[in-house]
Amino acid sequence: MVSVLIKSAKKFGLKEEQIEVWAKKALKKYRLNNCELSLVFVKPEEILNLNQKYRNLKRATSVLTFFQGQAYPEKLLLGDIVICPVVAKKKNLSIEFLINHGIRNLLSEIPTTKSL
């Protein structure tokens, strides 16, 4: 079962039901049907603070990802996607695009084993 946790979307006039549909569609595309994903919507100053703290960059960005990657018997905790709708709008990026982009970033963090 896929769980999508959404925080603060309504503060930006976003519909949680639509966000959940986009997220589940993207997760299904990558065959992730037993995971948990968090989507957090923040103001520009909040994403600026996160970007400074974790990437040492002094600018607001539209999306940041934080890989959790903890696997439990019941599900995979994929991670957090932090989206700034204000910056996204300035860059003409849709929330759906940023959710997909964030999921791809999280998936790129999953360790792979290469056979010789």
N, C-alpha and C. Protein backbone atom coordinates (compact mmCIF):
# COMPACT_ATOMS: atom_id res chain seq x y z
N MET A 1 0.83 -1.19 0.00
CA MET A 1 0.00 0.00 0.00
C MET A 1 0.88 1.25 0.00
N VAL A 2 0.48 2.23 -0.76
CA VAL A 2 1.21 3.49 -0.86
C VAL A 2 0.58 4.51 0.08
N SER A 3 1.43 5.15 0.87
CA SER A 3 0.98 6.23 1.75
C SER A 3 1.66 7.52 1.31
N VAL A 4 0.86 8.55 1.11
CA VAL A 4 1.40 9.87 0.77
C VAL A 4 0.96 10.82 1.87
N LEU A 5 1.94 11.32 2.60
CA LEU A 5 1.68 12.27 3.67
C LEU A 5 1.88 13.68 3.11
N ILE A 6 0.91 14.53 3.30
CA ILE A 6 0.95 15.88 2.73
C ILE A 6 0.81 16.90 3.85
N LYS A 7 1.74 17.87 3.84
CA LYS A 7 1.72 18.90 4.89
C LYS A 7 1.72 20.29 4.25
N SER A 8 0.82 21.11 4.70
CA SER A 8 0.74 22.55 4.40
C SER A 8 0.36 22.89 2.96
N ALA A 9 -0.18 21.96 2.21
CA ALA A 9 -0.59 22.26 0.83
C ALA A 9 -1.71 23.30 0.78
N LYS A 10 -2.64 23.19 1.71
CA LYS A 10 -3.80 24.09 1.70
C LYS A 10 -3.40 25.55 1.94
N LYS A 11 -2.28 25.77 2.63
CA LYS A 11 -1.80 27.15 2.87
C LYS A 11 -1.48 27.86 1.56
N PHE A 12 -1.23 27.07 0.51
CA PHE A 12 -0.87 27.63 -0.79
C PHE A 12 -1.99 27.45 -1.81
N GLY A 13 -3.18 27.10 -1.32
CA GLY A 13 -4.33 26.94 -2.19
C GLY A 13 -4.28 25.68 -3.04
N LEU A 14 -3.49 24.71 -2.62
CA LEU A 14 -3.35 23.45 -3.36
C LEU A 14 -4.32 22.41 -2.83
N LYS A 15 -4.79 21.56 -3.72
CA LYS A 15 -5.75 20.52 -3.34
C LYS A 15 -5.00 19.22 -3.03
N GLU A 16 -5.12 18.79 -1.79
CA GLU A 16 -4.42 17.59 -1.34
C GLU A 16 -4.82 16.35 -2.15
N GLU A 17 -6.09 16.27 -2.54
CA GLU A 17 -6.55 15.11 -3.30
C GLU A 17 -5.81 15.00 -4.63
N GLN A 18 -5.63 16.12 -5.32
CA GLN A 18 -4.93 16.12 -6.60
C GLN A 18 -3.45 15.81 -6.41
N ILE A 19 -2.85 16.35 -5.37
CA ILE A 19 -1.44 16.09 -5.08
C ILE A 19 -1.23 14.60 -4.83
N GLU A 20 -2.13 14.01 -4.08
CA GLU A 20 -2.03 12.57 -3.79
C GLU A 20 -2.14 11.74 -5.08
N VAL A 21 -3.04 12.13 -5.97
CA VAL A 21 -3.18 11.43 -7.25
C VAL A 21 -1.88 11.50 -8.04
N TRP A 22 -1.29 12.69 -8.15
CA TRP A 22 -0.03 12.85 -8.88
C TRP A 22 1.07 11.99 -8.28
N ALA A 23 1.19 12.03 -6.96
CA ALA A 23 2.25 11.28 -6.28
C ALA A 23 2.07 9.77 -6.48
N LYS A 24 0.85 9.29 -6.30
CA LYS A 24 0.61 7.85 -6.46
C LYS A 24 0.83 7.40 -7.90
N LYS A 25 0.46 8.24 -8.85
CA LYS A 25 0.69 7.93 -10.26
C LYS A 25 2.19 7.81 -10.55
N ALA A 26 2.98 8.72 -10.02
CA ALA A 26 4.43 8.68 -10.23
C ALA A 26 5.05 7.47 -9.55
N LEU A 27 4.61 7.17 -8.34
CA LEU A 27 5.15 6.01 -7.63
C LEU A 27 4.79 4.71 -8.36
N LYS A 28 3.59 4.66 -8.89
CA LYS A 28 3.16 3.47 -9.64
C LYS A 28 4.02 3.28 -10.88
N LYS A 29 4.37 4.39 -11.53
CA LYS A 29 5.21 4.35 -12.73
C LYS A 29 6.55 3.67 -12.43
N TYR A 30 7.05 3.88 -11.23
CA TYR A 30 8.32 3.27 -10.81
C TYR A 30 8.11 1.96 -10.05
N ARG A 31 6.91 1.43 -10.13
CA ARG A 31 6.55 0.14 -9.50
C ARG A 31 6.77 0.14 -7.99
N LEU A 32 6.52 1.26 -7.38
CA LEU A 32 6.61 1.38 -5.92
C LEU A 32 5.19 1.31 -5.37
N ASN A 33 4.79 0.14 -4.95
CA ASN A 33 3.42 -0.02 -4.49
C ASN A 33 3.33 -0.37 -3.01
N ASN A 34 4.45 -0.24 -2.31
CA ASN A 34 4.45 -0.49 -0.86
C ASN A 34 5.45 0.46 -0.21
N CYS A 35 5.09 1.74 -0.22
CA CYS A 35 6.04 2.74 0.31
C CYS A 35 5.29 3.91 0.93
N GLU A 36 6.06 4.74 1.61
CA GLU A 36 5.53 5.96 2.20
C GLU A 36 6.37 7.13 1.71
N LEU A 37 5.70 8.20 1.32
CA LEU A 37 6.34 9.40 0.81
C LEU A 37 5.73 10.60 1.51
N SER A 38 6.58 11.54 1.89
CA SER A 38 6.09 12.78 2.51
C SER A 38 6.29 13.95 1.55
N LEU A 39 5.27 14.77 1.42
CA LEU A 39 5.34 16.00 0.63
C LEU A 39 5.06 17.17 1.55
N VAL A 40 5.99 18.09 1.61
CA VAL A 40 5.87 19.24 2.49
C VAL A 40 5.95 20.51 1.64
N PHE A 41 5.01 21.41 1.83
CA PHE A 41 4.97 22.65 1.08
C PHE A 41 5.36 23.80 2.00
N VAL A 42 6.33 24.60 1.54
CA VAL A 42 6.91 25.63 2.41
C VAL A 42 7.03 26.97 1.69
N LYS A 43 7.24 28.01 2.48
CA LYS A 43 7.47 29.36 1.98
C LYS A 43 8.92 29.49 1.49
N PRO A 44 9.21 30.52 0.68
CA PRO A 44 10.57 30.70 0.18
C PRO A 44 11.65 30.80 1.27
N GLU A 45 11.32 31.48 2.36
CA GLU A 45 12.33 31.62 3.42
C GLU A 45 12.63 30.27 4.09
N GLU A 46 11.65 29.40 4.15
CA GLU A 46 11.87 28.07 4.74
C GLU A 46 12.75 27.20 3.86
N ILE A 47 12.50 27.22 2.56
CA ILE A 47 13.32 26.40 1.66
C ILE A 47 14.72 27.00 1.53
N LEU A 48 14.83 28.32 1.65
CA LEU A 48 16.14 28.98 1.67
C LEU A 48 16.94 28.49 2.86
N ASN A 49 16.32 28.45 4.04
CA ASN A 49 17.01 27.96 5.24
C ASN A 49 17.46 26.51 5.08
N LEU A 50 16.61 25.67 4.52
CA LEU A 50 16.98 24.27 4.29
C LEU A 50 18.12 24.15 3.28
N ASN A 51 18.05 24.95 2.24
CA ASN A 51 19.10 24.92 1.21
C ASN A 51 20.44 25.37 1.79
N GLN A 52 20.42 26.38 2.66
CA GLN A 52 21.64 26.83 3.30
C GLN A 52 22.19 25.76 4.25
N LYS A 53 21.32 25.18 5.04
CA LYS A 53 21.74 24.21 6.05
C LYS A 53 22.29 22.93 5.43
N TYR A 54 21.59 22.40 4.42
CA TYR A 54 21.97 21.08 3.90
C TYR A 54 22.78 21.10 2.61
N ARG A 55 22.76 22.22 1.88
CA ARG A 55 23.49 22.28 0.62
C ARG A 55 24.48 23.44 0.56
N ASN A 56 24.50 24.25 1.61
CA ASN A 56 25.38 25.42 1.69
C ASN A 56 25.17 26.38 0.51
N LEU A 57 23.92 26.50 0.08
CA LEU A 57 23.56 27.40 -1.01
C LEU A 57 22.64 28.48 -0.46
N LYS A 58 22.93 29.73 -0.79
CA LYS A 58 22.17 30.85 -0.25
C LYS A 58 21.14 31.34 -1.26
N ARG A 59 20.24 30.43 -1.64
CA ARG A 59 19.14 30.80 -2.54
C ARG A 59 17.97 29.85 -2.31
N ALA A 60 16.80 30.36 -2.57
CA ALA A 60 15.60 29.52 -2.49
C ALA A 60 15.51 28.70 -3.77
N THR A 61 15.05 27.49 -3.64
CA THR A 61 14.87 26.62 -4.79
C THR A 61 13.43 26.12 -4.80
N SER A 62 13.03 25.49 -5.87
CA SER A 62 11.65 25.04 -5.97
C SER A 62 11.41 23.71 -5.27
N VAL A 63 12.44 22.85 -5.19
CA VAL A 63 12.25 21.53 -4.59
C VAL A 63 13.55 21.03 -3.96
N LEU A 64 13.42 20.36 -2.84
CA LEU A 64 14.52 19.67 -2.18
C LEU A 64 14.03 18.28 -1.80
N THR A 65 14.93 17.32 -1.81
CA THR A 65 14.56 15.96 -1.40
C THR A 65 15.46 15.49 -0.28
N PHE A 66 14.89 14.70 0.60
CA PHE A 66 15.62 14.12 1.73
C PHE A 66 15.31 12.63 1.75
N PHE A 67 16.28 11.85 1.34
CA PHE A 67 16.13 10.40 1.22
C PHE A 67 16.09 9.76 2.60
N GLN A 68 15.10 8.93 2.82
CA GLN A 68 14.99 8.17 4.06
C GLN A 68 15.53 6.77 3.83
N GLY A 69 14.94 6.10 2.86
CA GLY A 69 15.43 4.80 2.43
C GLY A 69 15.43 3.70 3.47
N GLN A 70 14.54 3.79 4.42
CA GLN A 70 14.47 2.74 5.43
C GLN A 70 13.41 1.73 5.01
N ALA A 71 13.84 0.47 4.91
CA ALA A 71 12.92 -0.59 4.52
C ALA A 71 12.47 -1.35 5.75
N TYR A 72 11.20 -1.48 5.88
CA TYR A 72 10.59 -2.26 6.95
C TYR A 72 9.78 -3.37 6.29
N PRO A 73 9.47 -4.43 7.02
CA PRO A 73 8.67 -5.50 6.39
C PRO A 73 7.35 -4.99 5.80
N GLU A 74 6.77 -3.99 6.43
CA GLU A 74 5.48 -3.52 5.96
C GLU A 74 5.57 -2.47 4.85
N LYS A 75 6.70 -1.71 4.76
CA LYS A 75 6.83 -0.72 3.68
C LYS A 75 8.21 -0.07 3.67
N LEU A 76 8.49 0.59 2.56
CA LEU A 76 9.71 1.36 2.38
C LEU A 76 9.39 2.82 2.69
N LEU A 77 10.13 3.43 3.60
CA LEU A 77 10.00 4.87 3.85
C LEU A 77 10.93 5.56 2.86
N LEU A 78 10.37 6.05 1.77
CA LEU A 78 11.18 6.60 0.69
C LEU A 78 11.86 7.91 1.08
N GLY A 79 11.12 8.85 1.62
CA GLY A 79 11.73 10.11 2.02
C GLY A 79 10.77 11.27 1.94
N ASP A 80 11.36 12.47 1.99
CA ASP A 80 10.59 13.71 2.00
C ASP A 80 10.90 14.53 0.76
N ILE A 81 9.87 15.10 0.20
CA ILE A 81 10.03 16.06 -0.89
C ILE A 81 9.49 17.39 -0.36
N VAL A 82 10.34 18.40 -0.35
CA VAL A 82 9.96 19.73 0.12
C VAL A 82 9.81 20.61 -1.12
N ILE A 83 8.64 21.19 -1.27
CA ILE A 83 8.33 22.00 -2.45
C ILE A 83 7.95 23.41 -2.02
N CYS A 84 8.49 24.39 -2.73
CA CYS A 84 8.13 25.79 -2.51
C CYS A 84 7.26 26.25 -3.68
N PRO A 85 5.95 26.30 -3.50
CA PRO A 85 5.07 26.70 -4.60
C PRO A 85 5.34 28.11 -5.14
N VAL A 86 5.80 29.03 -4.29
CA VAL A 86 6.08 30.40 -4.73
C VAL A 86 7.24 30.40 -5.73
N VAL A 87 8.32 29.71 -5.40
CA VAL A 87 9.47 29.63 -6.31
C VAL A 87 9.09 28.84 -7.56
N ALA A 88 8.32 27.78 -7.39
CA ALA A 88 7.89 26.98 -8.53
C ALA A 88 7.11 27.84 -9.52
N LYS A 89 6.23 28.67 -9.01
CA LYS A 89 5.43 29.54 -9.88
C LYS A 89 6.32 30.52 -10.63
N LYS A 90 7.31 31.09 -9.94
CA LYS A 90 8.25 32.03 -10.58
C LYS A 90 9.03 31.35 -11.70
N LYS A 91 9.33 30.07 -11.52
CA LYS A 91 10.10 29.30 -12.52
C LYS A 91 9.18 28.60 -13.53
N ASN A 92 7.88 28.84 -13.41
CA ASN A 92 6.89 28.22 -14.29
C ASN A 92 6.96 26.68 -14.26
N LEU A 93 7.12 26.13 -13.05
CA LEU A 93 7.17 24.68 -12.86
C LEU A 93 5.91 24.22 -12.16
N SER A 94 5.31 23.17 -12.66
CA SER A 94 4.08 22.67 -12.04
C SER A 94 4.41 21.82 -10.81
N ILE A 95 3.46 21.74 -9.91
CA ILE A 95 3.62 20.90 -8.72
C ILE A 95 3.75 19.44 -9.15
N GLU A 96 2.99 19.02 -10.14
CA GLU A 96 3.08 17.64 -10.63
C GLU A 96 4.50 17.34 -11.12
N PHE A 97 5.07 18.26 -11.89
CA PHE A 97 6.45 18.08 -12.37
C PHE A 97 7.42 17.94 -11.20
N LEU A 98 7.27 18.80 -10.19
CA LEU A 98 8.19 18.78 -9.05
C LEU A 98 8.05 17.51 -8.22
N ILE A 99 6.85 16.98 -8.12
CA ILE A 99 6.66 15.71 -7.42
C ILE A 99 7.39 14.60 -8.17
N ASN A 100 7.22 14.55 -9.49
CA ASN A 100 7.92 13.55 -10.29
C ASN A 100 9.43 13.71 -10.19
N HIS A 101 9.90 14.93 -10.28
CA HIS A 101 11.33 15.22 -10.17
C HIS A 101 11.86 14.79 -8.80
N GLY A 102 11.12 15.10 -7.76
CA GLY A 102 11.53 14.73 -6.41
C GLY A 102 11.59 13.22 -6.23
N ILE A 103 10.62 12.50 -6.76
CA ILE A 103 10.63 11.04 -6.65
C ILE A 103 11.82 10.46 -7.39
N ARG A 104 12.12 10.99 -8.57
CA ARG A 104 13.31 10.52 -9.31
C ARG A 104 14.58 10.77 -8.50
N ASN A 105 14.66 11.93 -7.85
CA ASN A 105 15.83 12.22 -7.01
C ASN A 105 15.94 11.22 -5.86
N LEU A 106 14.83 10.93 -5.21
CA LEU A 106 14.85 9.97 -4.11
C LEU A 106 15.26 8.59 -4.60
N LEU A 107 14.74 8.18 -5.74
CA LEU A 107 15.07 6.85 -6.28
C LEU A 107 16.53 6.75 -6.67
N SER A 108 17.13 7.86 -7.05
CA SER A 108 18.55 7.83 -7.42
C SER A 108 19.45 7.58 -6.22
N GLU A 109 18.89 7.73 -5.02
CA GLU A 109 19.66 7.51 -3.79
C GLU A 109 19.62 6.05 -3.32
N ILE A 110 18.76 5.24 -3.91
CA ILE A 110 18.67 3.84 -3.50
C ILE A 110 19.91 3.10 -3.97
N PRO A 111 20.64 2.48 -3.05
CA PRO A 111 21.85 1.76 -3.45
C PRO A 111 21.51 0.61 -4.39
N THR A 112 22.39 0.39 -5.35
CA THR A 112 22.22 -0.73 -6.27
C THR A 112 23.43 -1.65 -6.15
N THR A 113 23.23 -2.88 -6.47
CA THR A 113 24.31 -3.86 -6.45
C THR A 113 24.58 -4.28 -7.90
N LYS A 114 25.81 -4.11 -8.30
CA LYS A 114 26.20 -4.51 -9.65
C LYS A 114 26.95 -5.83 -9.57
N SER A 115 26.56 -6.76 -10.41
CA SER A 115 27.27 -8.04 -10.43
C SER A 115 28.43 -7.95 -11.42
N LEU A 116 29.49 -8.64 -11.09
CA LEU A 116 30.68 -8.61 -11.94
C LEU A 116 30.62 -9.66 -13.01
